[in-house]
């Protein structure tokens, strides 16, 4: 959910219910601008304070254990999948925050979710982050400009070359 102004925090928390939440800046990368807001007593005041510096996306925190997953989607297919292991004491699983990435064969359900999430955002390319929730996999973020290096290294795949091939084969709308 989106908090555009500090007073929106109360409504957002009433919709999300009790429990920890993750607040993210609209524009950020490498885990910067991402805050875990734990405990219900101070959540509203923390979110209000953060919202003074600009809009926030707030979502329930998904306890994914020691790892979560990323699918790299190009066009209508998943070209790489990784399991991202959180660094010790860290809830974020970004390479720049010390996470370790390993190649991982995503389930058909996860692949389909990633492709649908990419298409729903109107993107040709995306990094789709997922966690294993109590009822199965959940998409928690679709990155239009994901980092490639850690995924390419883990999967031994040239994602940039595949992106170029897709762009070269896609008709231009500039016409």
Protein backbone atom coordinates (compact mmCIF):
# COMPACT_ATOMS: atom_id res chain seq x y z
CA UNK A 1 0.00 0.00 0.00
CA UNK A 2 1.10 3.55 -0.58
CA UNK A 3 1.62 6.22 2.06
CA UNK A 4 1.78 9.56 0.27
CA UNK A 5 1.36 11.76 3.34
CA UNK A 6 2.15 11.05 7.03
CA UNK A 7 -1.54 10.89 8.08
CA UNK A 8 -2.04 7.95 5.63
CA UNK A 9 -0.05 5.69 7.97
CA UNK A 10 -2.96 5.00 10.30
CA UNK A 11 -5.22 3.85 7.46
CA UNK A 12 -2.52 1.67 5.89
CA UNK A 13 -1.80 -0.06 9.19
CA UNK A 14 -5.52 -0.64 9.81
CA UNK A 15 -5.78 -2.40 6.43
CA UNK A 16 -2.58 -4.43 6.80
CA UNK A 17 -3.37 -5.53 10.35
CA UNK A 18 -0.96 -6.31 13.13
CA UNK A 19 2.53 -7.56 12.56
CA UNK A 20 5.79 -6.26 11.19
CA UNK A 21 5.79 -4.33 7.93
CA UNK A 22 8.42 -3.32 5.41
CA UNK A 23 8.51 0.31 4.26
CA UNK A 24 10.24 1.08 0.97
CA UNK A 25 11.04 4.33 -0.77
CA UNK A 26 9.51 4.53 -4.23
CA UNK A 27 12.94 4.99 -5.75
CA UNK A 28 15.80 3.05 -4.29
CA UNK A 29 18.20 0.28 -5.05
CA UNK A 30 20.55 -2.16 -3.38
CA UNK A 31 18.34 -2.32 -0.28
CA UNK A 32 18.73 1.38 0.50
CA UNK A 33 15.53 3.04 1.70
CA UNK A 34 14.06 -0.26 2.94
CA UNK A 35 13.08 -0.40 6.62
CA UNK A 36 11.65 -3.22 8.73
CA UNK A 37 9.15 -1.69 11.14
CA UNK A 38 8.56 -4.26 13.86
CA UNK A 39 6.23 -4.05 16.84
CA UNK A 40 2.82 -2.43 16.75
CA UNK A 41 3.31 0.29 19.37
CA UNK A 42 5.57 2.51 17.33
CA UNK A 43 4.66 1.54 13.79
CA UNK A 44 2.44 4.51 13.04
CA UNK A 45 4.89 7.09 14.34
CA UNK A 46 7.83 5.49 12.50
CA UNK A 47 5.90 5.37 9.22
CA UNK A 48 4.71 8.95 9.68
CA UNK A 49 8.31 10.06 10.25
CA UNK A 50 9.55 8.19 7.18
CA UNK A 51 6.69 9.59 5.05
CA UNK A 52 7.81 13.14 5.80
CA UNK A 53 10.69 12.51 3.38
CA UNK A 54 8.44 11.24 0.57
CA UNK A 55 5.98 8.51 -0.38
CA UNK A 56 6.46 4.95 0.89
CA UNK A 57 5.27 1.56 -0.23
CA UNK A 58 4.31 -0.46 2.85
CA UNK A 59 3.74 -4.20 2.78
CA UNK A 60 3.50 -6.98 5.35
CA UNK A 61 6.84 -8.51 6.27
CA UNK A 62 7.09 -12.06 4.94
CA UNK A 63 9.25 -14.21 7.20
CA UNK A 64 10.99 -16.22 4.49
CA UNK A 65 13.52 -17.98 6.67
CA UNK A 66 17.10 -17.75 5.57
CA UNK A 67 16.42 -17.18 1.87
CA UNK A 68 14.07 -15.92 -0.79
CA UNK A 69 14.08 -16.12 -4.58
CA UNK A 70 14.50 -14.04 -7.71
CA UNK A 71 13.38 -14.85 -11.22
CA UNK A 72 14.84 -12.89 -14.13
CA UNK A 73 12.18 -12.57 -16.81
CA UNK A 74 12.90 -11.54 -20.38
CA UNK A 75 9.87 -11.36 -22.64
CA UNK A 76 7.65 -14.30 -21.83
CA UNK A 77 10.21 -16.58 -20.20
CA UNK A 78 12.29 -16.92 -17.08
CA UNK A 79 15.96 -16.95 -18.09
CA UNK A 80 17.46 -17.37 -14.61
CA UNK A 81 16.39 -18.27 -11.11
CA UNK A 82 18.33 -17.83 -7.88
CA UNK A 83 17.93 -18.47 -4.20
CA UNK A 84 19.15 -15.44 -2.23
CA UNK A 85 20.54 -16.18 1.24
CA UNK A 86 20.30 -13.25 3.65
CA UNK A 87 23.52 -12.08 5.32
CA UNK A 88 23.63 -12.79 9.06
CA UNK A 89 21.34 -10.42 10.96
CA UNK A 90 19.90 -8.94 7.75
CA UNK A 91 16.29 -9.16 6.57
CA UNK A 92 17.08 -7.82 3.09
CA UNK A 93 18.48 -10.20 0.49
CA UNK A 94 20.37 -7.78 -1.74
CA UNK A 95 23.82 -8.64 -3.05
CA UNK A 96 24.97 -5.19 -1.88
CA UNK A 97 23.83 -6.12 1.65
CA UNK A 98 25.94 -9.28 1.72
CA UNK A 99 23.40 -11.83 0.44
CA UNK A 100 24.74 -14.90 -1.31
CA UNK A 101 23.08 -15.99 -4.54
CA UNK A 102 22.96 -19.54 -5.88
CA UNK A 103 21.41 -20.90 -9.04
CA UNK A 104 18.02 -22.41 -8.29
CA UNK A 105 15.48 -24.29 -10.39
CA UNK A 106 12.23 -22.42 -9.75
CA UNK A 107 8.98 -24.36 -9.64
CA UNK A 108 6.54 -24.00 -12.52
CA UNK A 109 4.26 -22.04 -10.17
CA UNK A 110 7.05 -19.57 -9.35
CA UNK A 111 8.00 -19.22 -13.03
CA UNK A 112 4.40 -18.52 -14.04
CA UNK A 113 3.96 -16.02 -11.19
CA UNK A 114 7.10 -14.18 -12.26
CA UNK A 115 6.02 -13.97 -15.90
CA UNK A 116 2.51 -12.80 -14.96
CA UNK A 117 3.91 -10.18 -12.54
CA UNK A 118 6.25 -8.85 -15.24
CA UNK A 119 3.42 -8.66 -17.77
CA UNK A 120 1.06 -7.03 -15.23
CA UNK A 121 3.64 -4.25 -14.82
CA UNK A 122 3.86 -3.81 -18.61
CA UNK A 123 7.55 -4.74 -18.66
CA UNK A 124 9.65 -6.69 -21.17
CA UNK A 125 12.28 -7.39 -18.55
CA UNK A 126 12.18 -7.67 -14.76
CA UNK A 127 13.68 -9.19 -11.68
CA UNK A 128 10.81 -10.67 -9.69
CA UNK A 129 11.45 -11.26 -5.99
CA UNK A 130 9.46 -13.96 -4.24
CA UNK A 131 9.28 -15.54 -0.81
CA UNK A 132 7.80 -18.79 0.39
CA UNK A 133 4.74 -17.80 2.42
CA UNK A 134 2.46 -20.02 4.53
CA UNK A 135 0.18 -20.68 1.51
CA UNK A 136 2.92 -20.95 -1.08
CA UNK A 137 5.13 -18.55 -3.03
CA UNK A 138 4.37 -14.82 -2.95
CA UNK A 139 5.67 -12.04 -5.16
CA UNK A 140 6.85 -9.15 -3.02
CA UNK A 141 8.64 -6.96 -5.55
CA UNK A 142 8.97 -6.49 -9.30
CA UNK A 143 12.19 -4.68 -10.22
CA UNK A 144 12.18 -2.92 -13.59
CA UNK A 145 15.94 -2.31 -13.28
CA UNK A 146 17.37 -5.21 -11.28
CA UNK A 147 21.06 -5.75 -10.75
CA UNK A 148 22.39 -8.45 -13.04
CA UNK A 149 25.90 -9.27 -11.85
CA UNK A 150 25.07 -11.55 -8.90
CA UNK A 151 22.44 -13.48 -10.88
CA UNK A 152 24.68 -13.81 -13.95
CA UNK A 153 27.54 -15.08 -11.80
CA UNK A 154 25.37 -17.56 -9.90
CA UNK A 155 23.66 -18.92 -13.03
CA UNK A 156 26.53 -18.55 -15.49
CA UNK A 157 24.21 -16.88 -18.00
CA UNK A 158 24.62 -13.69 -20.04
CA UNK A 159 21.36 -11.91 -19.25
CA UNK A 160 22.40 -8.65 -20.89
CA UNK A 161 22.95 -10.40 -24.24
CA UNK A 162 19.48 -11.97 -24.00
CA UNK A 163 17.97 -8.55 -23.25
CA UNK A 164 19.64 -7.10 -26.34
CA UNK A 165 18.33 -9.98 -28.48
CA UNK A 166 14.79 -9.32 -27.24
CA UNK A 167 15.03 -5.58 -27.88
CA UNK A 168 16.44 -6.14 -31.38
CA UNK A 169 13.55 -8.48 -32.21
CA UNK A 170 10.80 -6.25 -30.73
CA UNK A 171 9.11 -3.82 -33.14
CA UNK A 172 9.58 -0.19 -32.13
CA UNK A 173 6.61 1.98 -31.14
CA UNK A 174 8.55 5.11 -32.11
CA UNK A 175 7.50 4.88 -35.68
